[in-house]
Amino acid sequence: LKLKNVQNGDESELKVRGLFYGIGHHPNSEIVKGQVDLDAEGYVKVGASAQTSVEGVFAAGDLFDTEWRQAITAAGSGCQAAIAVERYLVEKDLIKE
């Protein structure tokens, strides 16, 4: 693994046998700021079934997952939110199953 010190430009090599790369540590929630409730860190607050503070608006993955924040977790919770949206639309008689 090649490393570069961004402060002084020095480069070095680190021998590794594996790597886990985290994709950021801050939720990308600017688009919903002021529209749904966020916590102090910027994560969307959710209740049961990924429901946000706004009826009919659901969140998934890194937007509310403060612990795991990994791609597979995001994919799984995305599926959860999609099913919750479908149930909401059926309940409101906006679509038929």
N, C-alpha and C. Protein backbone atom coordinates (compact mmCIF):
# COMPACT_ATOMS: atom_id res chain seq x y z
N LEU A 1 0.86 -1.16 0.00
CA LEU A 1 0.00 0.00 0.00
C LEU A 1 0.91 1.22 0.00
N LYS A 2 0.70 2.09 -0.97
CA LYS A 2 1.50 3.32 -1.01
C LYS A 2 0.78 4.41 -0.22
N LEU A 3 1.51 5.06 0.65
CA LEU A 3 0.97 6.12 1.49
C LEU A 3 1.63 7.44 1.14
N LYS A 4 0.86 8.51 1.23
CA LYS A 4 1.42 9.83 1.00
C LYS A 4 0.99 10.74 2.15
N ASN A 5 1.95 11.36 2.79
CA ASN A 5 1.68 12.32 3.85
C ASN A 5 1.24 13.62 3.17
N VAL A 6 -0.02 13.99 3.33
CA VAL A 6 -0.55 15.16 2.63
C VAL A 6 -0.04 16.47 3.23
N GLN A 7 0.61 16.40 4.39
CA GLN A 7 1.15 17.61 5.00
C GLN A 7 2.54 17.96 4.49
N ASN A 8 3.35 16.92 4.25
CA ASN A 8 4.72 17.22 3.81
C ASN A 8 5.09 16.56 2.47
N GLY A 9 4.21 15.76 1.90
CA GLY A 9 4.46 15.14 0.60
C GLY A 9 5.28 13.87 0.64
N ASP A 10 5.78 13.47 1.82
CA ASP A 10 6.57 12.24 1.92
C ASP A 10 5.73 11.03 1.51
N GLU A 11 6.36 10.10 0.80
CA GLU A 11 5.69 8.87 0.39
C GLU A 11 6.38 7.68 1.03
N SER A 12 5.59 6.67 1.37
CA SER A 12 6.13 5.46 1.96
C SER A 12 5.28 4.28 1.50
N GLU A 13 5.78 3.08 1.81
CA GLU A 13 5.05 1.87 1.44
C GLU A 13 4.80 1.07 2.71
N LEU A 14 3.58 0.57 2.84
CA LEU A 14 3.19 -0.23 4.00
C LEU A 14 2.76 -1.59 3.50
N LYS A 15 3.44 -2.64 3.97
CA LYS A 15 3.07 -3.99 3.55
C LYS A 15 1.84 -4.43 4.35
N VAL A 16 0.80 -4.79 3.62
CA VAL A 16 -0.44 -5.24 4.25
C VAL A 16 -0.92 -6.51 3.57
N ARG A 17 -1.76 -7.27 4.26
CA ARG A 17 -2.34 -8.48 3.69
C ARG A 17 -3.82 -8.28 3.38
N GLY A 18 -4.36 -7.16 3.74
CA GLY A 18 -5.76 -6.87 3.49
C GLY A 18 -6.04 -5.41 3.80
N LEU A 19 -7.22 -4.96 3.37
CA LEU A 19 -7.57 -3.56 3.59
C LEU A 19 -9.07 -3.42 3.68
N PHE A 20 -9.54 -2.68 4.65
CA PHE A 20 -10.95 -2.29 4.73
C PHE A 20 -10.98 -0.79 4.63
N TYR A 21 -11.66 -0.29 3.62
CA TYR A 21 -11.71 1.14 3.38
C TYR A 21 -13.08 1.68 3.75
N GLY A 22 -13.14 2.55 4.75
CA GLY A 22 -14.40 3.17 5.15
C GLY A 22 -14.70 4.36 4.27
N ILE A 23 -15.94 4.48 3.83
CA ILE A 23 -16.32 5.56 2.91
C ILE A 23 -16.87 6.72 3.73
N GLY A 24 -16.01 7.43 4.39
CA GLY A 24 -16.42 8.60 5.14
C GLY A 24 -16.98 8.29 6.51
N HIS A 25 -17.01 9.30 7.33
CA HIS A 25 -17.51 9.14 8.70
C HIS A 25 -18.59 10.15 9.03
N HIS A 26 -19.06 10.84 8.03
CA HIS A 26 -20.11 11.82 8.24
C HIS A 26 -21.25 11.54 7.26
N PRO A 27 -22.47 11.55 7.74
CA PRO A 27 -23.59 11.27 6.84
C PRO A 27 -23.76 12.39 5.80
N ASN A 28 -24.10 12.03 4.60
CA ASN A 28 -24.33 12.99 3.53
C ASN A 28 -25.80 13.41 3.56
N SER A 29 -26.17 14.16 4.60
CA SER A 29 -27.58 14.47 4.84
C SER A 29 -27.94 15.93 4.55
N GLU A 30 -27.05 16.67 3.94
CA GLU A 30 -27.34 18.08 3.64
C GLU A 30 -28.63 18.26 2.85
N ILE A 31 -28.91 17.33 1.95
CA ILE A 31 -30.08 17.45 1.08
C ILE A 31 -31.40 17.42 1.88
N VAL A 32 -31.40 16.80 3.05
CA VAL A 32 -32.63 16.72 3.85
C VAL A 32 -32.60 17.60 5.10
N LYS A 33 -31.49 18.31 5.29
CA LYS A 33 -31.36 19.19 6.47
C LYS A 33 -32.48 20.22 6.45
N GLY A 34 -33.17 20.35 7.59
CA GLY A 34 -34.27 21.29 7.69
C GLY A 34 -35.60 20.73 7.20
N GLN A 35 -35.56 19.51 6.66
CA GLN A 35 -36.79 18.89 6.17
C GLN A 35 -37.21 17.70 7.02
N VAL A 36 -36.23 16.97 7.56
CA VAL A 36 -36.49 15.88 8.49
C VAL A 36 -35.61 16.10 9.71
N ASP A 37 -35.97 15.48 10.82
CA ASP A 37 -35.19 15.63 12.05
C ASP A 37 -33.84 14.93 11.92
N LEU A 38 -32.78 15.65 12.30
CA LEU A 38 -31.43 15.10 12.33
C LEU A 38 -30.92 15.15 13.77
N ASP A 39 -29.97 14.27 14.09
CA ASP A 39 -29.35 14.36 15.41
C ASP A 39 -28.19 15.36 15.35
N ALA A 40 -27.49 15.52 16.45
CA ALA A 40 -26.41 16.51 16.53
C ALA A 40 -25.27 16.24 15.55
N GLU A 41 -25.09 14.98 15.15
CA GLU A 41 -24.02 14.60 14.22
C GLU A 41 -24.46 14.68 12.76
N GLY A 42 -25.75 14.94 12.54
CA GLY A 42 -26.25 15.04 11.17
C GLY A 42 -26.90 13.79 10.64
N TYR A 43 -27.06 12.77 11.48
CA TYR A 43 -27.75 11.55 11.07
C TYR A 43 -29.26 11.76 11.13
N VAL A 44 -29.97 11.18 10.18
CA VAL A 44 -31.43 11.28 10.16
C VAL A 44 -31.99 10.43 11.30
N LYS A 45 -32.87 11.01 12.08
CA LYS A 45 -33.54 10.27 13.15
C LYS A 45 -34.66 9.45 12.53
N VAL A 46 -34.69 8.15 12.87
CA VAL A 46 -35.73 7.27 12.34
C VAL A 46 -36.40 6.51 13.46
N GLY A 47 -37.63 6.08 13.18
CA GLY A 47 -38.37 5.22 14.09
C GLY A 47 -38.48 3.84 13.47
N ALA A 48 -39.56 3.16 13.79
CA ALA A 48 -39.80 1.83 13.25
C ALA A 48 -39.85 1.88 11.72
N SER A 49 -39.32 0.85 11.10
CA SER A 49 -39.34 0.69 9.64
C SER A 49 -38.70 1.85 8.89
N ALA A 50 -37.69 2.46 9.48
CA ALA A 50 -36.92 3.53 8.83
C ALA A 50 -37.71 4.80 8.57
N GLN A 51 -38.83 4.97 9.25
CA GLN A 51 -39.68 6.16 9.11
C GLN A 51 -38.98 7.37 9.72
N THR A 52 -38.92 8.47 8.98
CA THR A 52 -38.34 9.71 9.50
C THR A 52 -39.41 10.50 10.24
N SER A 53 -39.09 11.72 10.60
CA SER A 53 -40.04 12.59 11.29
C SER A 53 -41.12 13.12 10.36
N VAL A 54 -40.99 12.87 9.05
CA VAL A 54 -41.98 13.32 8.08
C VAL A 54 -42.73 12.11 7.55
N GLU A 55 -44.04 12.15 7.65
CA GLU A 55 -44.87 11.04 7.18
C GLU A 55 -44.58 10.74 5.72
N GLY A 56 -44.34 9.46 5.44
CA GLY A 56 -44.10 9.03 4.07
C GLY A 56 -42.67 9.19 3.59
N VAL A 57 -41.77 9.67 4.46
CA VAL A 57 -40.36 9.83 4.10
C VAL A 57 -39.56 8.84 4.94
N PHE A 58 -38.77 8.01 4.24
CA PHE A 58 -38.00 6.95 4.89
C PHE A 58 -36.52 7.16 4.60
N ALA A 59 -35.67 6.69 5.49
CA ALA A 59 -34.22 6.82 5.33
C ALA A 59 -33.58 5.45 5.30
N ALA A 60 -32.39 5.38 4.71
CA ALA A 60 -31.68 4.11 4.62
C ALA A 60 -30.18 4.31 4.80
N GLY A 61 -29.53 3.25 5.24
CA GLY A 61 -28.08 3.17 5.26
C GLY A 61 -27.36 4.21 6.08
N ASP A 62 -26.35 4.78 5.45
CA ASP A 62 -25.46 5.72 6.14
C ASP A 62 -26.16 6.96 6.65
N LEU A 63 -27.34 7.25 6.16
CA LEU A 63 -28.06 8.43 6.63
C LEU A 63 -28.49 8.31 8.08
N PHE A 64 -28.75 7.07 8.54
CA PHE A 64 -29.18 6.93 9.93
C PHE A 64 -28.36 5.91 10.72
N ASP A 65 -27.56 5.11 10.08
CA ASP A 65 -26.82 4.06 10.77
C ASP A 65 -25.53 4.64 11.36
N THR A 66 -25.57 4.94 12.65
CA THR A 66 -24.42 5.57 13.30
C THR A 66 -23.33 4.57 13.69
N GLU A 67 -23.66 3.29 13.67
CA GLU A 67 -22.67 2.30 14.11
C GLU A 67 -21.96 1.61 12.95
N TRP A 68 -22.68 1.05 12.03
CA TRP A 68 -22.08 0.18 11.01
C TRP A 68 -21.61 0.95 9.78
N ARG A 69 -22.43 1.81 9.22
CA ARG A 69 -22.07 2.66 8.09
C ARG A 69 -21.31 1.93 6.98
N GLN A 70 -21.73 0.76 6.65
CA GLN A 70 -21.06 -0.01 5.60
C GLN A 70 -22.01 -0.24 4.44
N ALA A 71 -21.45 -0.49 3.28
CA ALA A 71 -22.24 -0.63 2.07
C ALA A 71 -23.31 -1.71 2.19
N ILE A 72 -22.99 -2.86 2.74
CA ILE A 72 -23.97 -3.94 2.82
C ILE A 72 -25.09 -3.58 3.78
N THR A 73 -24.76 -2.86 4.85
CA THR A 73 -25.79 -2.40 5.76
C THR A 73 -26.70 -1.41 5.05
N ALA A 74 -26.11 -0.52 4.26
CA ALA A 74 -26.90 0.46 3.50
C ALA A 74 -27.81 -0.24 2.52
N ALA A 75 -27.31 -1.28 1.85
CA ALA A 75 -28.14 -2.02 0.89
C ALA A 75 -29.30 -2.70 1.59
N GLY A 76 -29.03 -3.33 2.73
CA GLY A 76 -30.08 -4.01 3.47
C GLY A 76 -31.13 -3.05 4.00
N SER A 77 -30.69 -1.92 4.55
CA SER A 77 -31.66 -0.96 5.06
C SER A 77 -32.37 -0.23 3.93
N GLY A 78 -31.74 -0.15 2.76
CA GLY A 78 -32.41 0.41 1.59
C GLY A 78 -33.59 -0.46 1.19
N CYS A 79 -33.39 -1.76 1.24
CA CYS A 79 -34.48 -2.71 0.98
C CYS A 79 -35.58 -2.55 2.02
N GLN A 80 -35.19 -2.41 3.28
CA GLN A 80 -36.15 -2.21 4.36
C GLN A 80 -36.98 -0.95 4.11
N ALA A 81 -36.32 0.15 3.74
CA ALA A 81 -37.03 1.40 3.47
C ALA A 81 -37.95 1.26 2.27
N ALA A 82 -37.51 0.55 1.24
CA ALA A 82 -38.35 0.36 0.04
C ALA A 82 -39.62 -0.42 0.38
N ILE A 83 -39.49 -1.46 1.18
CA ILE A 83 -40.67 -2.23 1.60
C ILE A 83 -41.58 -1.37 2.46
N ALA A 84 -40.99 -0.56 3.35
CA ALA A 84 -41.79 0.33 4.20
C ALA A 84 -42.55 1.35 3.35
N VAL A 85 -41.91 1.88 2.30
CA VAL A 85 -42.58 2.82 1.41
C VAL A 85 -43.75 2.15 0.72
N GLU A 86 -43.54 0.93 0.22
CA GLU A 86 -44.61 0.20 -0.44
C GLU A 86 -45.80 0.00 0.51
N ARG A 87 -45.51 -0.42 1.73
CA ARG A 87 -46.58 -0.61 2.72
C ARG A 87 -47.31 0.70 3.00
N TYR A 88 -46.56 1.78 3.12
CA TYR A 88 -47.16 3.09 3.35
C TYR A 88 -48.08 3.47 2.21
N LEU A 89 -47.64 3.29 0.97
CA LEU A 89 -48.46 3.64 -0.19
C LEU A 89 -49.73 2.79 -0.26
N VAL A 90 -49.62 1.51 0.08
CA VAL A 90 -50.80 0.64 0.11
C VAL A 90 -51.75 1.10 1.20
N GLU A 91 -51.21 1.38 2.39
CA GLU A 91 -52.03 1.83 3.52
C GLU A 91 -52.80 3.11 3.20
N LYS A 92 -52.16 4.01 2.45
CA LYS A 92 -52.78 5.29 2.09
C LYS A 92 -53.62 5.16 0.81
N ASP A 93 -53.73 3.94 0.31
CA ASP A 93 -54.51 3.65 -0.89
C ASP A 93 -53.97 4.41 -2.11
N LEU A 94 -52.66 4.57 -2.16
CA LEU A 94 -52.03 5.27 -3.28
C LEU A 94 -51.56 4.31 -4.37
N ILE A 95 -51.40 3.03 -3.99
CA ILE A 95 -51.14 1.97 -4.97
C ILE A 95 -51.85 0.71 -4.49
N LYS A 96 -51.98 -0.24 -5.36
CA LYS A 96 -52.58 -1.52 -4.99
C LYS A 96 -51.54 -2.60 -5.15
N GLU A 97 -51.51 -3.51 -4.16
CA GLU A 97 -50.56 -4.61 -4.19
C GLU A 97 -50.97 -5.62 -5.22
